Amino acid sequence: TYFDSGRIFPLIEELYFNPGWQLIYADEVALLFLRNSSENQALLDRFNIGKKEIFRTVAAESQRRLMMNPRLPQAYLSLGKAYLHLDDYQLAEKNFVKALELRPNLMMGKQLLKMIRNLKDQHPHLAPG
């Protein structure tokens, strides 16, 4: 996360949404991207692991930050965003709520919580039974 703040590095989200880059390595502390090009095709075919792994790394890093300091609203926000990308809407909502408990005026938290609740209202099968 971004300078121990609990925020996701902006570059990580940029690379996630950019089809010109592919993830070829991820662990709990590092991500390695390779440009999506014909010169790199053999490496991409061999090592591409799918971009959802980015958010497993973000989740692990956010959880580590929260173990050190459980009062970081940005870390809960990042953890919620990771779960959102991993399609775990219940955990995403739980972490957005926690971020807002710590910082009630956190605009991004309000927007994400509203979005996920609207999503769950529109698709009731996403809500826990």
C-alpha atoms as a PDB file:
ATOM      1  CA  THR A   1       0.000   0.000   0.000  1.00  0.00           C
ATOM      2  CA  TYR A   2       0.938   3.614  -0.494  1.00  0.00           C
ATOM      3  CA  PHE A   3       3.612   4.754   1.989  1.00  0.00           C
ATOM      4  CA  ASP A   4       2.102   2.752   4.865  1.00  0.00           C
ATOM      5  CA  SER A   5      -1.125   4.771   4.651  1.00  0.00           C
ATOM      6  CA  GLY A   6      -3.255   1.815   3.680  1.00  0.00           C
ATOM      7  CA  ARG A   7      -4.069   3.377   0.306  1.00  0.00           C
ATOM      8  CA  ILE A   8      -3.639   1.400  -2.892  1.00  0.00           C
ATOM      9  CA  PHE A   9      -0.824   2.758  -5.058  1.00  0.00           C
ATOM     10  CA  PRO A  10      -2.500   4.658  -7.905  1.00  0.00           C
ATOM     11  CA  LEU A  11      -0.236   2.862 -10.396  1.00  0.00           C
ATOM     12  CA  ILE A  12      -1.623  -0.528  -9.332  1.00  0.00           C
ATOM     13  CA  GLU A  13      -5.186   0.458 -10.166  1.00  0.00           C
ATOM     14  CA  GLU A  14      -4.034   2.095 -13.399  1.00  0.00           C
ATOM     15  CA  LEU A  15      -2.291  -1.104 -14.522  1.00  0.00           C
ATOM     16  CA  TYR A  16      -5.272  -3.221 -13.483  1.00  0.00           C
ATOM     17  CA  PHE A  17      -7.613  -1.337 -15.805  1.00  0.00           C
ATOM     18  CA  ASN A  18      -5.071  -0.910 -18.630  1.00  0.00           C
ATOM     19  CA  PRO A  19      -5.216  -3.783 -21.156  1.00  0.00           C
ATOM     20  CA  GLY A  20      -1.693  -2.865 -22.287  1.00  0.00           C
ATOM     21  CA  TRP A  21      -0.219  -4.495 -19.173  1.00  0.00           C
ATOM     22  CA  GLN A  22      -0.479  -8.032 -17.787  1.00  0.00           C
ATOM     23  CA  LEU A  23       0.365  -9.371 -14.364  1.00  0.00           C
ATOM     24  CA  ILE A  24       3.018 -12.084 -14.446  1.00  0.00           C
ATOM     25  CA  TYR A  25       3.972 -12.355 -10.755  1.00  0.00           C
ATOM     26  CA  ALA A  26       2.330 -11.595  -7.426  1.00  0.00           C
ATOM     27  CA  ASP A  27       3.035 -12.377  -3.811  1.00  0.00           C
ATOM     28  CA  GLU A  28       2.091 -10.686  -0.551  1.00  0.00           C
ATOM     29  CA  VAL A  29       4.467  -7.764  -1.091  1.00  0.00           C
ATOM     30  CA  ALA A  30       5.200  -7.470  -4.811  1.00  0.00           C
ATOM     31  CA  LEU A  31       3.512  -7.315  -8.190  1.00  0.00           C
ATOM     32  CA  LEU A  32       5.312  -7.631 -11.514  1.00  0.00           C
ATOM     33  CA  PHE A  33       3.698  -6.436 -14.739  1.00  0.00           C
ATOM     34  CA  LEU A  34       4.803  -6.943 -18.318  1.00  0.00           C
ATOM     35  CA  ARG A  35       3.765  -4.849 -21.283  1.00  0.00           C
ATOM     36  CA  ASN A  36       1.249  -6.631 -23.478  1.00  0.00           C
ATOM     37  CA  SER A  37       3.169  -6.682 -26.768  1.00  0.00           C
ATOM     38  CA  SER A  38       4.147  -9.109 -29.508  1.00  0.00           C
ATOM     39  CA  GLU A  39       7.765  -9.036 -28.263  1.00  0.00           C
ATOM     40  CA  ASN A  40       6.619 -10.255 -24.841  1.00  0.00           C
ATOM     41  CA  GLN A  41       4.003 -12.743 -26.051  1.00  0.00           C
ATOM     42  CA  ALA A  42       6.016 -15.874 -25.211  1.00  0.00           C
ATOM     43  CA  LEU A  43       6.593 -14.649 -21.661  1.00  0.00           C
ATOM     44  CA  LEU A  44       2.957 -13.589 -21.295  1.00  0.00           C
ATOM     45  CA  ASP A  45       1.762 -16.985 -22.506  1.00  0.00           C
ATOM     46  CA  ARG A  46       3.985 -18.677 -19.962  1.00  0.00           C
ATOM     47  CA  PHE A  47       3.606 -16.415 -16.915  1.00  0.00           C
ATOM     48  CA  ASN A  48       0.333 -14.438 -17.152  1.00  0.00           C
ATOM     49  CA  ILE A  49      -1.559 -15.125 -13.920  1.00  0.00           C
ATOM     50  CA  GLY A  50      -4.597 -12.904 -14.325  1.00  0.00           C
ATOM     51  CA  LYS A  51      -5.142  -9.485 -12.862  1.00  0.00           C
ATOM     52  CA  LYS A  52      -7.416 -10.559  -9.987  1.00  0.00           C
ATOM     53  CA  GLU A  53      -4.224 -11.638  -8.201  1.00  0.00           C
ATOM     54  CA  ILE A  54      -3.473  -7.936  -7.770  1.00  0.00           C
ATOM     55  CA  PHE A  55      -6.281  -7.677  -5.275  1.00  0.00           C
ATOM     56  CA  ARG A  56      -5.242 -10.759  -3.338  1.00  0.00           C
ATOM     57  CA  THR A  57      -1.926  -8.947  -2.805  1.00  0.00           C
ATOM     58  CA  VAL A  58      -3.716  -5.702  -1.892  1.00  0.00           C
ATOM     59  CA  ALA A  59      -5.907  -7.600   0.588  1.00  0.00           C
ATOM     60  CA  ALA A  60      -2.894  -9.268   2.215  1.00  0.00           C
ATOM     61  CA  GLU A  61      -1.015  -5.963   2.466  1.00  0.00           C
ATOM     62  CA  SER A  62      -4.061  -4.143   3.866  1.00  0.00           C
ATOM     63  CA  GLN A  63      -4.603  -6.864   6.462  1.00  0.00           C
ATOM     64  CA  ARG A  64      -0.938  -6.603   7.470  1.00  0.00           C
ATOM     65  CA  ARG A  65      -1.294  -2.819   7.878  1.00  0.00           C
ATOM     66  CA  LEU A  66      -4.412  -3.286  10.001  1.00  0.00           C
ATOM     67  CA  MET A  67      -2.656  -5.762  12.276  1.00  0.00           C
ATOM     68  CA  MET A  68      -0.067  -3.057  12.977  1.00  0.00           C
ATOM     69  CA  ASN A  69      -2.625  -0.254  13.274  1.00  0.00           C
ATOM     70  CA  PRO A  70      -6.341  -1.144  13.277  1.00  0.00           C
ATOM     71  CA  ARG A  71      -7.330   2.532  13.128  1.00  0.00           C
ATOM     72  CA  LEU A  72      -6.334   3.227   9.508  1.00  0.00           C
ATOM     73  CA  PRO A  73      -9.515   4.049   7.588  1.00  0.00           C
ATOM     74  CA  GLN A  74      -7.654   3.998   4.257  1.00  0.00           C
ATOM     75  CA  ALA A  75      -6.514   0.432   4.915  1.00  0.00           C
ATOM     76  CA  TYR A  76     -10.135  -0.655   5.455  1.00  0.00           C
ATOM     77  CA  LEU A  77     -11.072   1.204   2.280  1.00  0.00           C
ATOM     78  CA  SER A  78      -8.315  -0.582   0.329  1.00  0.00           C
ATOM     79  CA  LEU A  79      -9.327  -3.923   1.812  1.00  0.00           C
ATOM     80  CA  GLY A  80     -12.936  -3.257   0.827  1.00  0.00           C
ATOM     81  CA  LYS A  81     -11.890  -2.352  -2.719  1.00  0.00           C
ATOM     82  CA  ALA A  82      -9.831  -5.539  -2.921  1.00  0.00           C
ATOM     83  CA  TYR A  83     -12.789  -7.650  -1.828  1.00  0.00           C
ATOM     84  CA  LEU A  84     -15.017  -5.793  -4.281  1.00  0.00           C
ATOM     85  CA  HIS A  85     -12.682  -6.742  -7.155  1.00  0.00           C
ATOM     86  CA  LEU A  86     -12.562 -10.313  -5.829  1.00  0.00           C
ATOM     87  CA  ASP A  87     -16.391 -10.416  -5.931  1.00  0.00           C
ATOM     88  CA  ASP A  88     -16.760 -10.778  -2.148  1.00  0.00           C
ATOM     89  CA  TYR A  89     -19.395  -8.103  -1.690  1.00  0.00           C
ATOM     90  CA  GLN A  90     -20.167  -8.945   1.923  1.00  0.00           C
ATOM     91  CA  LEU A  91     -16.561  -8.416   3.052  1.00  0.00           C
ATOM     92  CA  ALA A  92     -16.248  -5.342   0.833  1.00  0.00           C
ATOM     93  CA  GLU A  93     -19.281  -3.772   2.504  1.00  0.00           C
ATOM     94  CA  LYS A  94     -18.040  -4.693   5.986  1.00  0.00           C
ATOM     95  CA  ASN A  95     -14.709  -2.941   5.351  1.00  0.00           C
ATOM     96  CA  PHE A  96     -16.293   0.144   3.808  1.00  0.00           C
ATOM     97  CA  VAL A  97     -18.506   0.438   6.905  1.00  0.00           C
ATOM     98  CA  LYS A  98     -15.459   0.125   9.174  1.00  0.00           C
ATOM     99  CA  ALA A  99     -13.596   2.815   7.213  1.00  0.00           C
ATOM    100  CA  LEU A 100     -16.566   5.144   7.668  1.00  0.00           C
ATOM    101  CA  GLU A 101     -16.804   4.367  11.379  1.00  0.00           C
ATOM    102  CA  LEU A 102     -13.224   5.593  11.717  1.00  0.00           C
ATOM    103  CA  ARG A 103     -13.631   8.569   9.376  1.00  0.00           C
ATOM    104  CA  PRO A 104     -17.318   9.395   8.759  1.00  0.00           C
ATOM    105  CA  ASN A 105     -16.570  12.101   6.162  1.00  0.00           C
ATOM    106  CA  LEU A 106     -14.472   9.806   3.927  1.00  0.00           C
ATOM    107  CA  MET A 107     -16.103  10.582   0.571  1.00  0.00           C
ATOM    108  CA  MET A 108     -14.664   7.596  -1.292  1.00  0.00           C
ATOM    109  CA  GLY A 109     -15.940   5.298   1.458  1.00  0.00           C
ATOM    110  CA  LYS A 110     -19.426   6.785   1.185  1.00  0.00           C
ATOM    111  CA  GLN A 111     -19.428   6.407  -2.592  1.00  0.00           C
ATOM    112  CA  LEU A 112     -18.208   2.809  -2.516  1.00  0.00           C
ATOM    113  CA  LEU A 113     -20.635   1.814   0.236  1.00  0.00           C
ATOM    114  CA  LYS A 114     -23.526   3.353  -1.699  1.00  0.00           C
ATOM    115  CA  MET A 115     -22.398   1.602  -4.886  1.00  0.00           C
ATOM    116  CA  ILE A 116     -22.149  -1.813  -3.273  1.00  0.00           C
ATOM    117  CA  ARG A 117     -25.499  -1.462  -1.521  1.00  0.00           C
ATOM    118  CA  ASN A 118     -27.123  -0.414  -4.812  1.00  0.00           C
ATOM    119  CA  LEU A 119     -25.501  -3.391  -6.498  1.00  0.00           C
ATOM    120  CA  LYS A 120     -26.844  -5.722  -3.815  1.00  0.00           C
ATOM    121  CA  ASP A 121     -30.336  -4.159  -4.107  1.00  0.00           C
ATOM    122  CA  GLN A 122     -30.328  -4.658  -7.868  1.00  0.00           C
ATOM    123  CA  HIS A 123     -28.947  -8.194  -7.589  1.00  0.00           C
ATOM    124  CA  PRO A 124     -30.304  -9.762  -4.364  1.00  0.00           C
ATOM    125  CA  HIS A 125     -28.377 -12.981  -5.006  1.00  0.00           C
ATOM    126  CA  LEU A 126     -25.192 -11.039  -4.106  1.00  0.00           C
ATOM    127  CA  ALA A 127     -26.431 -10.439  -0.571  1.00  0.00           C
ATOM    128  CA  PRO A 128     -25.846 -13.177   2.022  1.00  0.00           C
ATOM    129  CA  GLY A 129     -28.818 -15.497   2.447  1.00  0.00           C
END
